[in-house]
Amino acid sequence: MSHLKGYAGSILRIDLSTRKIYKTPTMEYADLFIGGRGIGCKIYWDEVPPEADAFHPENRMIFLTGPLCGIPGFAGARWQVCAKSPLNNRFSYCNLGGSWGVYLKFAGYDALVGDPTLESKVYSAVTGKEIDEEGLYRIGERIFNLQRAILIREGHKGREDDTLEEFNFTVPLKGDFLNEDCLLPGKDGNPFSRKGMVVDREEFEKMKDEYYRIRGWDVSTGLQTLEKLRELKLLEGVV
């Protein structure tokens, strides 16, 4: 393996299931796969089984830089995140900016690879309070419901105010230079175009019904129920 300029040379691996942190050489991948997305695709291909869902321990959250990251100038702060998305249980990636990727590179790493239960384990390690993934989600749900309660207390009318601007229902959607055909992922994974379409009011209201049911809120009003607030231990502070 040769050493290529532009790479820090190491990939940081964090496995919180075993509480191990170790390094692997970037050059195992960089000779054949250039940049963050290329190396991310190779790691994903090698390590994530097709049958593993987004929250399976064998999924990988992969944060990567490329050889240009950290170089002063255009696109010198771009970095990638690759993983199986919980939205559709398919491989997904995104390109981001800011200083995080630069600092990762300057710390001596081209990539960071972790498991999808990372957040709960980091919380446990930092605070000393053991919490699993489901417990962390419950805390997030509690925070979201408290935020909703604040909005309601300050005049938000629930379902009545959970709406879109009128133009979304009346003005046909136009493309732009980033997505000329207004393409979106379909249920079967195939893209489809919403160009020229408007939001269907009836379908939008059905989506709200489904959302409120998932949240455990009252479907007719969009307001939280006493049962949900009691479940989240918010009853005393909110009611």
C-alpha atoms as a PDB file:
ATOM      1  CA  MET A   1       0.000   0.000   0.000  1.00  0.00           C
ATOM      2  CA  SER A   2       1.269   3.448  -0.884  1.00  0.00           C
ATOM      3  CA  HIS A   3       0.723   6.550   1.217  1.00  0.00           C
ATOM      4  CA  LEU A   4      -1.251   9.234  -0.603  1.00  0.00           C
ATOM      5  CA  LYS A   5      -0.973  12.908   0.192  1.00  0.00           C
ATOM      6  CA  GLY A   6      -4.177  14.559   1.373  1.00  0.00           C
ATOM      7  CA  TYR A   7      -5.043  11.798   3.831  1.00  0.00           C
ATOM      8  CA  ALA A   8      -4.318  11.730   7.547  1.00  0.00           C
ATOM      9  CA  GLY A   9      -3.737   8.002   7.260  1.00  0.00           C
ATOM     10  CA  SER A  10      -6.056   6.553   9.910  1.00  0.00           C
ATOM     11  CA  ILE A  11      -9.733   5.712  10.389  1.00  0.00           C
ATOM     12  CA  LEU A  12     -10.997   5.934  13.962  1.00  0.00           C
ATOM     13  CA  ARG A  13     -13.258   3.041  14.965  1.00  0.00           C
ATOM     14  CA  ILE A  14     -15.588   3.359  17.964  1.00  0.00           C
ATOM     15  CA  ASP A  15     -17.437   0.239  19.115  1.00  0.00           C
ATOM     16  CA  LEU A  16     -19.458   1.119  22.187  1.00  0.00           C
ATOM     17  CA  SER A  17     -20.963  -2.360  22.379  1.00  0.00           C
ATOM     18  CA  THR A  18     -17.548  -3.609  23.462  1.00  0.00           C
ATOM     19  CA  ARG A  19     -16.306  -0.174  24.630  1.00  0.00           C
ATOM     20  CA  LYS A  20     -13.321  -0.408  22.308  1.00  0.00           C
ATOM     21  CA  ILE A  21     -11.665   2.343  20.279  1.00  0.00           C
ATOM     22  CA  TYR A  22      -9.110   1.422  17.656  1.00  0.00           C
ATOM     23  CA  LYS A  23      -7.627   2.581  14.358  1.00  0.00           C
ATOM     24  CA  THR A  24      -7.407   1.102  10.873  1.00  0.00           C
ATOM     25  CA  PRO A  25      -5.270   2.462   8.016  1.00  0.00           C
ATOM     26  CA  THR A  26      -7.002   4.645   5.446  1.00  0.00           C
ATOM     27  CA  MET A  27      -4.764   3.259   2.718  1.00  0.00           C
ATOM     28  CA  GLU A  28      -6.628  -0.064   2.895  1.00  0.00           C
ATOM     29  CA  TYR A  29      -9.338   1.806   0.971  1.00  0.00           C
ATOM     30  CA  ALA A  30      -7.829   4.951  -0.543  1.00  0.00           C
ATOM     31  CA  ASP A  31      -5.800   3.224  -3.251  1.00  0.00           C
ATOM     32  CA  LEU A  32      -9.015   2.176  -4.995  1.00  0.00           C
ATOM     33  CA  PHE A  33     -11.731   4.492  -3.616  1.00  0.00           C
ATOM     34  CA  ILE A  34     -11.143   8.231  -3.621  1.00  0.00           C
ATOM     35  CA  GLY A  35     -12.615  10.643  -1.106  1.00  0.00           C
ATOM     36  CA  GLY A  36     -15.167  10.385   1.682  1.00  0.00           C
ATOM     37  CA  ARG A  37     -18.026   8.944  -0.311  1.00  0.00           C
ATOM     38  CA  GLY A  38     -15.873   6.356  -2.041  1.00  0.00           C
ATOM     39  CA  ILE A  39     -14.293   5.067   1.158  1.00  0.00           C
ATOM     40  CA  GLY A  40     -17.656   5.224   2.932  1.00  0.00           C
ATOM     41  CA  CYS A  41     -19.241   3.067   0.231  1.00  0.00           C
ATOM     42  CA  LYS A  42     -16.464   0.488   0.541  1.00  0.00           C
ATOM     43  CA  ILE A  43     -16.718   0.299   4.363  1.00  0.00           C
ATOM     44  CA  TYR A  44     -20.505  -0.001   4.122  1.00  0.00           C
ATOM     45  CA  TRP A  45     -20.295  -2.711   1.448  1.00  0.00           C
ATOM     46  CA  ASP A  46     -17.825  -4.748   3.482  1.00  0.00           C
ATOM     47  CA  GLU A  47     -19.458  -4.428   6.898  1.00  0.00           C
ATOM     48  CA  VAL A  48     -23.231  -3.869   6.666  1.00  0.00           C
ATOM     49  CA  PRO A  49     -25.279  -6.973   5.750  1.00  0.00           C
ATOM     50  CA  PRO A  50     -28.167  -6.300   3.339  1.00  0.00           C
ATOM     51  CA  GLU A  51     -30.681  -7.716   5.843  1.00  0.00           C
ATOM     52  CA  ALA A  52     -29.568  -5.433   8.707  1.00  0.00           C
ATOM     53  CA  ASP A  53     -32.009  -2.586   9.332  1.00  0.00           C
ATOM     54  CA  ALA A  54     -31.056   0.976  10.211  1.00  0.00           C
ATOM     55  CA  PHE A  55     -31.015   0.329  13.962  1.00  0.00           C
ATOM     56  CA  HIS A  56     -29.178  -2.982  13.827  1.00  0.00           C
ATOM     57  CA  PRO A  57     -25.790  -3.071  15.607  1.00  0.00           C
ATOM     58  CA  GLU A  58     -24.187  -4.070  12.302  1.00  0.00           C
ATOM     59  CA  ASN A  59     -25.264  -0.842  10.628  1.00  0.00           C
ATOM     60  CA  ARG A  60     -22.485   1.738  10.497  1.00  0.00           C
ATOM     61  CA  MET A  61     -22.562   5.483  11.045  1.00  0.00           C
ATOM     62  CA  ILE A  62     -19.607   6.582   8.922  1.00  0.00           C
ATOM     63  CA  PHE A  63     -18.264  10.138   9.078  1.00  0.00           C
ATOM     64  CA  LEU A  64     -15.614  10.836   6.458  1.00  0.00           C
ATOM     65  CA  THR A  65     -13.387  13.483   4.954  1.00  0.00           C
ATOM     66  CA  GLY A  66     -11.731  13.496   1.555  1.00  0.00           C
ATOM     67  CA  PRO A  67      -8.233  14.481   0.439  1.00  0.00           C
ATOM     68  CA  LEU A  68      -9.257  18.118  -0.161  1.00  0.00           C
ATOM     69  CA  CYS A  69     -10.747  18.595   3.310  1.00  0.00           C
ATOM     70  CA  GLY A  70      -8.625  20.994   5.352  1.00  0.00           C
ATOM     71  CA  ILE A  71      -7.109  22.724   2.342  1.00  0.00           C
ATOM     72  CA  PRO A  72      -7.771  26.494   2.257  1.00  0.00           C
ATOM     73  CA  GLY A  73     -10.057  27.325  -0.626  1.00  0.00           C
ATOM     74  CA  PHE A  74     -13.272  26.248  -2.289  1.00  0.00           C
ATOM     75  CA  ALA A  75     -14.803  23.012  -0.889  1.00  0.00           C
ATOM     76  CA  GLY A  76     -12.008  22.692   1.673  1.00  0.00           C
ATOM     77  CA  ALA A  77     -14.418  21.956   4.525  1.00  0.00           C
ATOM     78  CA  ARG A  78     -16.736  19.358   3.003  1.00  0.00           C
ATOM     79  CA  TRP A  79     -17.333  15.973   4.636  1.00  0.00           C
ATOM     80  CA  GLN A  80     -19.673  13.011   4.290  1.00  0.00           C
ATOM     81  CA  VAL A  81     -21.968  10.924   6.458  1.00  0.00           C
ATOM     82  CA  CYS A  82     -22.944   7.451   5.205  1.00  0.00           C
ATOM     83  CA  ALA A  83     -25.289   4.900   6.811  1.00  0.00           C
ATOM     84  CA  LYS A  84     -28.442   2.887   6.261  1.00  0.00           C
ATOM     85  CA  SER A  85     -31.249   5.400   6.720  1.00  0.00           C
ATOM     86  CA  PRO A  86     -34.226   4.705   9.032  1.00  0.00           C
ATOM     87  CA  LEU A  87     -36.390   6.571   6.510  1.00  0.00           C
ATOM     88  CA  ASN A  88     -36.366   3.743   3.975  1.00  0.00           C
ATOM     89  CA  ASN A  89     -33.839   1.174   5.286  1.00  0.00           C
ATOM     90  CA  ARG A  90     -31.555   1.881   2.351  1.00  0.00           C
ATOM     91  CA  PHE A  91     -27.998   3.137   2.011  1.00  0.00           C
ATOM     92  CA  SER A  92     -27.933   6.931   2.224  1.00  0.00           C
ATOM     93  CA  TYR A  93     -25.305   9.616   2.326  1.00  0.00           C
ATOM     94  CA  CYS A  94     -25.131  13.378   2.721  1.00  0.00           C
ATOM     95  CA  ASN A  95     -22.532  16.056   2.135  1.00  0.00           C
ATOM     96  CA  LEU A  96     -21.967  18.676   4.822  1.00  0.00           C
ATOM     97  CA  GLY A  97     -19.807  21.723   5.436  1.00  0.00           C
ATOM     98  CA  GLY A  98     -18.448  23.595   8.420  1.00  0.00           C
ATOM     99  CA  SER A  99     -15.352  22.996  10.502  1.00  0.00           C
ATOM    100  CA  TRP A 100     -16.112  19.525  11.915  1.00  0.00           C
ATOM    101  CA  GLY A 101     -14.508  17.610   9.055  1.00  0.00           C
ATOM    102  CA  VAL A 102     -11.450  19.854   9.110  1.00  0.00           C
ATOM    103  CA  TYR A 103     -10.939  19.235  12.823  1.00  0.00           C
ATOM    104  CA  LEU A 104     -11.341  15.478  12.303  1.00  0.00           C
ATOM    105  CA  LYS A 105      -8.629  15.583   9.643  1.00  0.00           C
ATOM    106  CA  PHE A 106      -6.327  17.747  11.784  1.00  0.00           C
ATOM    107  CA  ALA A 107      -6.834  15.318  14.677  1.00  0.00           C
ATOM    108  CA  GLY A 108      -5.232  12.699  12.487  1.00  0.00           C
ATOM    109  CA  TYR A 109      -8.252  10.812  11.139  1.00  0.00           C
ATOM    110  CA  ASP A 110      -9.859  10.541   7.724  1.00  0.00           C
ATOM    111  CA  ALA A 111     -13.032   8.864   9.005  1.00  0.00           C
ATOM    112  CA  LEU A 112     -14.990   7.902  12.103  1.00  0.00           C
ATOM    113  CA  VAL A 113     -17.006   4.673  12.112  1.00  0.00           C
ATOM    114  CA  GLY A 114     -19.490   3.872  14.876  1.00  0.00           C
ATOM    115  CA  ASP A 115     -22.663   1.909  15.581  1.00  0.00           C
ATOM    116  CA  PRO A 116     -26.251   3.320  15.516  1.00  0.00           C
ATOM    117  CA  THR A 117     -26.661   2.981  19.300  1.00  0.00           C
ATOM    118  CA  LEU A 118     -23.824   5.459  19.730  1.00  0.00           C
ATOM    119  CA  GLU A 119     -25.854   8.246  21.341  1.00  0.00           C
ATOM    120  CA  SER A 120     -27.231   6.247  24.256  1.00  0.00           C
ATOM    121  CA  LYS A 121     -23.862   4.713  25.016  1.00  0.00           C
ATOM    122  CA  VAL A 122     -22.085   8.059  24.898  1.00  0.00           C
ATOM    123  CA  TYR A 123     -24.718   9.457  27.271  1.00  0.00           C
ATOM    124  CA  SER A 124     -24.154   6.530  29.655  1.00  0.00           C
ATOM    125  CA  ALA A 125     -20.371   6.889  29.485  1.00  0.00           C
ATOM    126  CA  VAL A 126     -20.407  10.647  30.103  1.00  0.00           C
ATOM    127  CA  THR A 127     -23.068  10.827  32.834  1.00  0.00           C
ATOM    128  CA  GLY A 128     -22.517   7.474  34.550  1.00  0.00           C
ATOM    129  CA  LYS A 129     -26.248   6.761  34.242  1.00  0.00           C
ATOM    130  CA  GLU A 130     -26.906   3.622  32.210  1.00  0.00           C
ATOM    131  CA  ILE A 131     -29.541   4.115  29.552  1.00  0.00           C
ATOM    132  CA  ASP A 132     -30.411   2.069  26.477  1.00  0.00           C
ATOM    133  CA  GLU A 133     -31.462   3.311  23.058  1.00  0.00           C
ATOM    134  CA  GLU A 134     -35.180   3.080  23.864  1.00  0.00           C
ATOM    135  CA  GLY A 135     -34.655   5.041  27.086  1.00  0.00           C
ATOM    136  CA  LEU A 136     -32.876   7.810  25.206  1.00  0.00           C
ATOM    137  CA  TYR A 137     -35.720   7.959  22.679  1.00  0.00           C
ATOM    138  CA  ARG A 138     -38.155   8.310  25.582  1.00  0.00           C
ATOM    139  CA  ILE A 139     -36.202  11.312  26.881  1.00  0.00           C
ATOM    140  CA  GLY A 140     -36.362  12.821  23.395  1.00  0.00           C
ATOM    141  CA  GLU A 141     -40.118  12.231  23.284  1.00  0.00           C
ATOM    142  CA  ARG A 142     -40.478  13.908  26.667  1.00  0.00           C
ATOM    143  CA  ILE A 143     -38.545  16.969  25.454  1.00  0.00           C
ATOM    144  CA  PHE A 144     -40.584  17.157  22.229  1.00  0.00           C
ATOM    145  CA  ASN A 145     -43.851  16.978  24.162  1.00  0.00           C
ATOM    146  CA  LEU A 146     -42.715  19.671  26.566  1.00  0.00           C
ATOM    147  CA  GLN A 147     -41.862  21.865  23.579  1.00  0.00           C
ATOM    148  CA  ARG A 148     -45.360  21.237  22.216  1.00  0.00           C
ATOM    149  CA  ALA A 149     -46.867  22.139  25.587  1.00  0.00           C
ATOM    150  CA  ILE A 150     -44.951  25.439  25.574  1.00  0.00           C
ATOM    151  CA  LEU A 151     -46.332  26.277  22.131  1.00  0.00           C
ATOM    152  CA  ILE A 152     -49.874  25.435  23.270  1.00  0.00           C
ATOM    153  CA  ARG A 153     -49.478  27.560  26.403  1.00  0.00           C
ATOM    154  CA  GLU A 154     -48.337  30.481  24.254  1.00  0.00           C
ATOM    155  CA  GLY A 155     -51.326  30.356  21.921  1.00  0.00           C
ATOM    156  CA  HIS A 156     -50.720  27.572  19.404  1.00  0.00           C
ATOM    157  CA  LYS A 157     -54.114  26.040  18.575  1.00  0.00           C
ATOM    158  CA  GLY A 158     -53.014  22.507  17.849  1.00  0.00           C
ATOM    159  CA  ARG A 159     -54.546  20.994  14.741  1.00  0.00           C
ATOM    160  CA  GLU A 160     -55.891  24.340  13.545  1.00  0.00           C
ATOM    161  CA  ASP A 161     -52.392  25.853  13.456  1.00  0.00           C
ATOM    162  CA  ASP A 162     -50.613  22.722  12.208  1.00  0.00           C
ATOM    163  CA  THR A 163     -50.866  23.686   8.572  1.00  0.00           C
ATOM    164  CA  LEU A 164     -48.928  24.944   5.567  1.00  0.00           C
ATOM    165  CA  GLU A 165     -48.906  28.279   3.811  1.00  0.00           C
ATOM    166  CA  GLU A 166     -51.816  28.528   1.378  1.00  0.00           C
ATOM    167  CA  PHE A 167     -49.616  28.572  -1.733  1.00  0.00           C
ATOM    168  CA  ASN A 168     -48.604  24.960  -1.048  1.00  0.00           C
ATOM    169  CA  PHE A 169     -52.192  23.914  -1.832  1.00  0.00           C
ATOM    170  CA  THR A 170     -52.715  26.151  -4.862  1.00  0.00           C
ATOM    171  CA  VAL A 171     -49.434  26.935  -6.673  1.00  0.00           C
ATOM    172  CA  PRO A 172     -47.928  24.081  -8.755  1.00  0.00           C
ATOM    173  CA  LEU A 173     -44.443  23.087  -7.651  1.00  0.00           C
ATOM    174  CA  LYS A 174     -41.572  24.302  -9.814  1.00  0.00           C
ATOM    175  CA  GLY A 175     -38.096  22.827 -10.019  1.00  0.00           C
ATOM    176  CA  ASP A 176     -34.845  24.664  -9.424  1.00  0.00           C
ATOM    177  CA  PHE A 177     -31.255  24.190 -10.478  1.00  0.00           C
ATOM    178  CA  LEU A 178     -30.646  21.692  -7.660  1.00  0.00           C
ATOM    179  CA  ASN A 179     -33.666  19.496  -8.450  1.00  0.00           C
ATOM    180  CA  GLU A 180     -35.163  20.526 -11.772  1.00  0.00           C
ATOM    181  CA  ASP A 181     -37.683  17.685 -11.876  1.00  0.00           C
ATOM    182  CA  CYS A 182     -38.622  17.867  -8.167  1.00  0.00           C
ATOM    183  CA  LEU A 183     -37.655  14.223  -7.657  1.00  0.00           C
ATOM    184  CA  LEU A 184     -38.463  12.477  -4.376  1.00  0.00           C
ATOM    185  CA  PRO A 185     -37.961   8.872  -3.202  1.00  0.00           C
ATOM    186  CA  GLY A 186     -41.065   6.717  -3.637  1.00  0.00           C
ATOM    187  CA  LYS A 187     -42.389   3.953  -1.402  1.00  0.00           C
ATOM    188  CA  ASP A 188     -40.700   1.287  -3.520  1.00  0.00           C
ATOM    189  CA  GLY A 189     -37.399   3.160  -3.529  1.00  0.00           C
ATOM    190  CA  ASN A 190     -37.838   4.453  -7.082  1.00  0.00           C
ATOM    191  CA  PRO A 191     -37.785   8.239  -7.573  1.00  0.00           C
ATOM    192  CA  PHE A 192     -40.855  10.101  -8.754  1.00  0.00           C
ATOM    193  CA  SER A 193     -41.464  13.704  -9.736  1.00  0.00           C
ATOM    194  CA  ARG A 194     -43.751  16.166  -7.943  1.00  0.00           C
ATOM    195  CA  LYS A 195     -43.168  18.899 -10.512  1.00  0.00           C
ATOM    196  CA  GLY A 196     -46.409  20.715 -11.316  1.00  0.00           C
ATOM    197  CA  MET A 197     -48.210  19.217  -8.327  1.00  0.00           C
ATOM    198  CA  VAL A 198     -49.769  20.815  -5.241  1.00  0.00           C
ATOM    199  CA  VAL A 199     -50.366  19.463  -1.740  1.00  0.00           C
ATOM    200  CA  ASP A 200     -53.683  17.639  -1.529  1.00  0.00           C
ATOM    201  CA  ARG A 201     -55.649  19.092   1.409  1.00  0.00           C
ATOM    202  CA  GLU A 202     -57.480  15.872   2.188  1.00  0.00           C
ATOM    203  CA  GLU A 203     -54.290  13.800   2.131  1.00  0.00           C
ATOM    204  CA  PHE A 204     -52.543  16.403   4.277  1.00  0.00           C
ATOM    205  CA  GLU A 205     -55.259  16.130   6.899  1.00  0.00           C
ATOM    206  CA  LYS A 206     -54.948  12.324   6.823  1.00  0.00           C
ATOM    207  CA  MET A 207     -51.210  12.686   7.425  1.00  0.00           C
ATOM    208  CA  LYS A 208     -51.967  14.835  10.452  1.00  0.00           C
ATOM    209  CA  ASP A 209     -54.349  12.155  11.740  1.00  0.00           C
ATOM    210  CA  GLU A 210     -51.600   9.550  11.448  1.00  0.00           C
ATOM    211  CA  TYR A 211     -49.005  11.826  13.050  1.00  0.00           C
ATOM    212  CA  TYR A 212     -51.193  12.605  16.065  1.00  0.00           C
ATOM    213  CA  ARG A 213     -51.966   8.920  16.554  1.00  0.00           C
ATOM    214  CA  ILE A 214     -48.267   8.033  16.488  1.00  0.00           C
ATOM    215  CA  ARG A 215     -47.552  10.795  18.994  1.00  0.00           C
ATOM    216  CA  GLY A 216     -50.384   9.640  21.242  1.00  0.00           C
ATOM    217  CA  TRP A 217     -52.181  12.981  20.967  1.00  0.00           C
ATOM    218  CA  ASP A 218     -55.879  13.702  20.464  1.00  0.00           C
ATOM    219  CA  VAL A 219     -56.533  13.305  16.730  1.00  0.00           C
ATOM    220  CA  SER A 220     -59.451  15.735  16.545  1.00  0.00           C
ATOM    221  CA  THR A 221     -57.615  18.643  18.214  1.00  0.00           C
ATOM    222  CA  GLY A 222     -53.909  17.867  17.850  1.00  0.00           C
ATOM    223  CA  LEU A 223     -53.530  18.488  21.575  1.00  0.00           C
ATOM    224  CA  GLN A 224     -51.716  16.246  24.018  1.00  0.00           C
ATOM    225  CA  THR A 225     -53.770  13.904  26.134  1.00  0.00           C
ATOM    226  CA  LEU A 226     -53.559  13.565  29.894  1.00  0.00           C
ATOM    227  CA  GLU A 227     -52.655   9.917  29.366  1.00  0.00           C
ATOM    228  CA  LYS A 228     -49.625  10.798  27.215  1.00  0.00           C
ATOM    229  CA  LEU A 229     -48.448  13.497  29.618  1.00  0.00           C
ATOM    230  CA  ARG A 230     -48.810  11.078  32.515  1.00  0.00           C
ATOM    231  CA  GLU A 231     -46.887   8.399  30.609  1.00  0.00           C
ATOM    232  CA  LEU A 232     -44.000  10.832  30.049  1.00  0.00           C
ATOM    233  CA  LYS A 233     -44.083  12.078  33.668  1.00  0.00           C
ATOM    234  CA  LEU A 234     -44.989  15.570  32.491  1.00  0.00           C
ATOM    235  CA  LEU A 235     -48.435  15.822  34.054  1.00  0.00           C
ATOM    236  CA  GLU A 236     -47.396  17.795  37.134  1.00  0.00           C
ATOM    237  CA  GLY A 237     -45.243  20.294  35.274  1.00  0.00           C
ATOM    238  CA  VAL A 238     -47.587  20.897  32.323  1.00  0.00           C
ATOM    239  CA  VAL A 239     -51.171  20.658  33.571  1.00  0.00           C
END
